[in-house]
Protein backbone atom coordinates (compact mmCIF):
# COMPACT_ATOMS: atom_id res chain seq x y z
CA MET A 1 0.00 0.00 0.00
CA PRO A 2 1.21 3.49 -0.72
CA GLY A 3 2.50 5.17 2.41
CA ASP A 4 2.77 1.82 4.26
CA ASP A 5 6.39 1.43 5.40
CA SER A 6 5.89 -2.07 6.80
CA CYS A 7 7.19 -3.58 3.54
CA HIS A 8 10.37 -1.51 3.55
CA LEU A 9 13.46 -2.67 5.37
CA SER A 10 15.27 -0.27 7.64
CA GLN A 11 18.81 0.70 6.70
CA LYS A 12 20.09 -1.25 9.68
CA THR A 13 18.29 -4.41 8.53
CA THR A 14 19.51 -3.92 4.94
CA ASP A 15 23.09 -3.47 6.17
CA LEU A 16 22.80 -6.63 8.28
CA ILE A 17 21.50 -8.67 5.32
CA LEU A 18 24.36 -7.41 3.11
CA PHE A 19 26.89 -8.20 5.87
CA GLN A 20 25.50 -11.72 6.25
CA ARG A 21 25.66 -12.28 2.50
CA LYS A 22 29.32 -11.25 2.49
CA ASN A 23 30.08 -13.00 5.78
CA MET A 24 28.15 -16.22 5.79
CA THR A 25 28.16 -18.03 9.12
CA GLY A 26 26.08 -20.93 10.20
CA GLU A 27 25.71 -24.47 11.41
CA LEU A 28 27.02 -27.55 9.63
CA ASN A 29 24.60 -30.37 8.89
CA GLU A 30 25.16 -34.00 9.93
CA GLN A 31 26.80 -34.99 6.64
CA GLN A 32 29.18 -32.02 6.74
CA ILE A 33 30.10 -32.81 10.36
CA ASN A 34 30.81 -36.45 9.50
CA ASN A 35 32.82 -35.43 6.43
CA ILE A 36 35.07 -33.21 8.55
CA LEU A 37 35.52 -35.86 11.24
CA THR A 38 36.36 -38.45 8.59
CA SER A 39 38.66 -36.28 6.48
CA GLN A 40 40.95 -34.99 9.23
CA ALA A 41 43.59 -36.82 11.30
CA ILE A 42 44.47 -34.32 14.04
CA GLY A 43 41.97 -33.08 16.59
CA ARG A 44 41.92 -31.93 20.21
CA ILE A 45 40.60 -33.73 23.27
CA ALA A 46 39.42 -31.62 26.18
CA CYS A 47 39.04 -33.21 29.59
CA CYS A 48 38.74 -31.81 33.08
CA ASP A 49 39.75 -32.71 36.61
CA GLY A 50 36.72 -30.84 37.95
CA LYS A 51 38.78 -27.74 38.52
CA HIS A 52 40.91 -27.06 35.45
CA PRO A 53 40.24 -27.93 31.80
CA TYR A 54 43.01 -29.69 29.91
CA ILE A 55 43.18 -29.83 26.10
CA VAL A 56 45.71 -31.62 23.92
CA PRO A 57 46.11 -32.40 20.23
CA VAL A 58 45.82 -36.05 19.19
CA THR A 59 46.06 -38.10 16.04
CA TYR A 60 42.73 -39.86 15.51
CA SER A 61 40.46 -41.78 13.20
CA TYR A 62 36.67 -41.77 13.01
CA ASP A 63 34.45 -44.68 11.95
CA GLY A 64 31.06 -42.96 12.02
CA HIS A 65 30.39 -43.84 15.67
CA TYR A 66 33.65 -43.58 17.59
CA ILE A 67 36.79 -41.47 17.59
CA TYR A 68 39.88 -43.68 18.07
CA GLY A 69 43.22 -42.60 19.48
CA GLN A 70 46.32 -43.88 21.20
CA SER A 71 48.33 -42.59 24.12
CA THR A 72 51.08 -43.22 26.59
CA GLU A 73 50.51 -42.90 30.32
CA GLY A 74 50.24 -39.28 31.39
CA GLN A 75 47.99 -36.47 32.52
CA LYS A 76 45.51 -36.85 29.67
CA LEU A 77 44.85 -40.51 30.42
CA GLU A 78 44.76 -39.92 34.16
CA LEU A 79 42.13 -37.18 33.76
CA MET A 80 40.00 -39.16 31.30
CA ARG A 81 40.05 -42.18 33.59
CA GLN A 82 38.88 -40.01 36.50
CA ASN A 83 36.24 -38.20 34.45
CA PRO A 84 35.35 -39.96 31.18
CA ASN A 85 33.21 -37.05 29.91
CA VAL A 86 35.24 -35.41 27.17
CA CYS A 87 34.91 -32.97 24.32
CA PHE A 88 36.63 -33.52 20.98
CA GLN A 89 37.24 -30.67 18.54
CA VAL A 90 38.51 -30.66 14.97
CA ASP A 91 38.62 -27.88 12.42
CA ILE A 92 39.53 -27.01 8.88
CA SER A 93 40.81 -23.47 8.54
CA CYS A 94 41.77 -21.83 5.27
CA ASN A 95 42.17 -18.45 6.94
CA MET A 96 40.50 -16.33 9.64
CA ASP A 97 37.41 -15.82 7.47
CA ASN A 98 37.00 -19.32 6.04
CA TRP A 99 36.77 -22.16 8.52
CA GLN A 100 34.69 -25.11 9.69
CA SER A 101 34.74 -26.50 13.21
CA VAL A 102 33.19 -29.60 14.78
CA LEU A 103 32.61 -30.37 18.45
CA ALA A 104 31.78 -33.87 19.66
CA PHE A 105 30.82 -34.66 23.25
CA GLY A 106 31.14 -38.18 24.56
CA GLN A 107 32.74 -40.68 26.89
CA PHE A 108 36.31 -41.92 26.99
CA GLU A 109 36.64 -45.72 26.87
CA GLU A 110 40.00 -47.44 27.31
CA LEU A 111 40.37 -50.42 25.00
CA LYS A 112 42.04 -53.76 25.71
CA ASP A 113 42.76 -57.01 23.92
CA GLU A 114 41.04 -57.58 20.56
CA SER A 115 39.15 -54.26 20.62
CA ALA A 116 42.48 -52.43 21.07
CA VAL A 117 44.00 -54.35 18.15
CA LYS A 118 41.06 -53.49 15.87
CA ALA A 119 41.15 -49.84 16.96
CA ARG A 120 44.89 -49.64 16.24
CA GLU A 121 44.33 -51.13 12.78
CA HIS A 122 41.61 -48.56 12.09
CA LEU A 123 43.77 -45.68 13.35
CA PHE A 124 46.87 -46.76 11.46
CA SER A 125 44.96 -47.42 8.22
CA LYS A 126 43.98 -43.74 8.33
CA VAL A 127 47.16 -42.15 9.65
CA VAL A 128 50.05 -44.12 8.12
CA PRO A 129 49.16 -43.20 4.50
CA LEU A 130 49.33 -39.53 5.52
CA MET A 131 52.94 -39.85 6.67
CA THR A 132 55.59 -38.94 4.14
CA SER A 133 59.25 -39.76 4.00
CA SER A 134 59.98 -36.13 4.83
CA ALA A 135 58.21 -36.67 8.16
CA ILE A 136 60.24 -39.78 9.00
CA HIS A 137 63.43 -39.02 10.89
CA GLN A 138 65.95 -41.82 11.08
CA HIS A 139 66.88 -41.03 14.70
CA GLU A 140 63.26 -41.72 15.71
CA HIS A 141 63.40 -45.19 14.15
CA TRP A 142 66.94 -46.32 14.88
CA GLU A 143 67.06 -49.67 16.63
CA GLY A 144 70.75 -50.32 16.24
CA LEU A 145 73.09 -51.77 13.67
CA GLY A 146 71.61 -54.35 11.35
CA HIS A 147 68.04 -53.09 11.72
CA GLU A 148 65.88 -51.39 9.17
CA LEU A 149 63.91 -48.24 9.84
CA SER A 150 61.03 -48.99 12.21
CA ASP A 151 57.83 -47.27 13.23
CA LEU A 152 57.74 -48.96 16.65
CA SER A 153 58.25 -45.56 18.33
CA ARG A 154 54.96 -44.39 16.75
CA ILE A 155 52.96 -47.15 18.43
CA LYS A 156 51.71 -46.05 21.82
CA PRO A 157 50.68 -48.70 24.34
CA ILE A 158 47.17 -47.52 25.21
CA MET A 159 44.29 -47.43 22.73
CA PHE A 160 41.08 -45.58 23.48
CA ARG A 161 37.91 -44.43 21.84
CA ILE A 162 35.36 -41.73 22.43
CA LYS A 163 31.75 -42.83 22.23
CA ILE A 164 30.04 -39.81 20.71
CA ASN A 165 26.77 -38.69 22.26
CA GLU A 166 26.36 -35.31 20.61
CA LYS A 167 27.94 -33.48 17.66
CA SER A 168 27.66 -29.95 16.36
CA GLY A 169 29.47 -27.86 13.80
CA ARG A 170 29.80 -24.26 12.71
CA PHE A 171 31.37 -22.45 9.79
CA GLU A 172 32.28 -19.03 8.48
CA LYS A 173 32.87 -18.24 4.83
CA ARG A 174 33.53 -14.87 3.23
């Protein structure tokens, strides 16, 4: 209707729409979240002793239900054993204006016997192909005279998984 301003956007609203078109932010859908979890190999586990949060990077693999990792004894394992509620984060970042990030909340489960063997196979099938000869340093693999290069130092004694209860993801793209 002539004279009716209800159909016109305010300048502030117009500016906001233009800003959002230039700076698109939003939530990732389930498929996008799973694609990020599957495509990456380094993420971060956050755990807490009830007083202080603790976050560390880990090499991982994802099978659609669980996040698998390995560790040596230390603060991370001690905290996760005390409080199995953890948060896992992984991101893909092209630059400050183009990124995707996934959070997964779940429970830490230490694996033993056959389940640990299967988890290690899954983890290594994902991670080993990503290693290049430029990342292999002979001093890390030296077992003495008469021995070939070895990856034994890459194998950590404790396998674990995170049973995912909840996932979410966000992105920004300019």
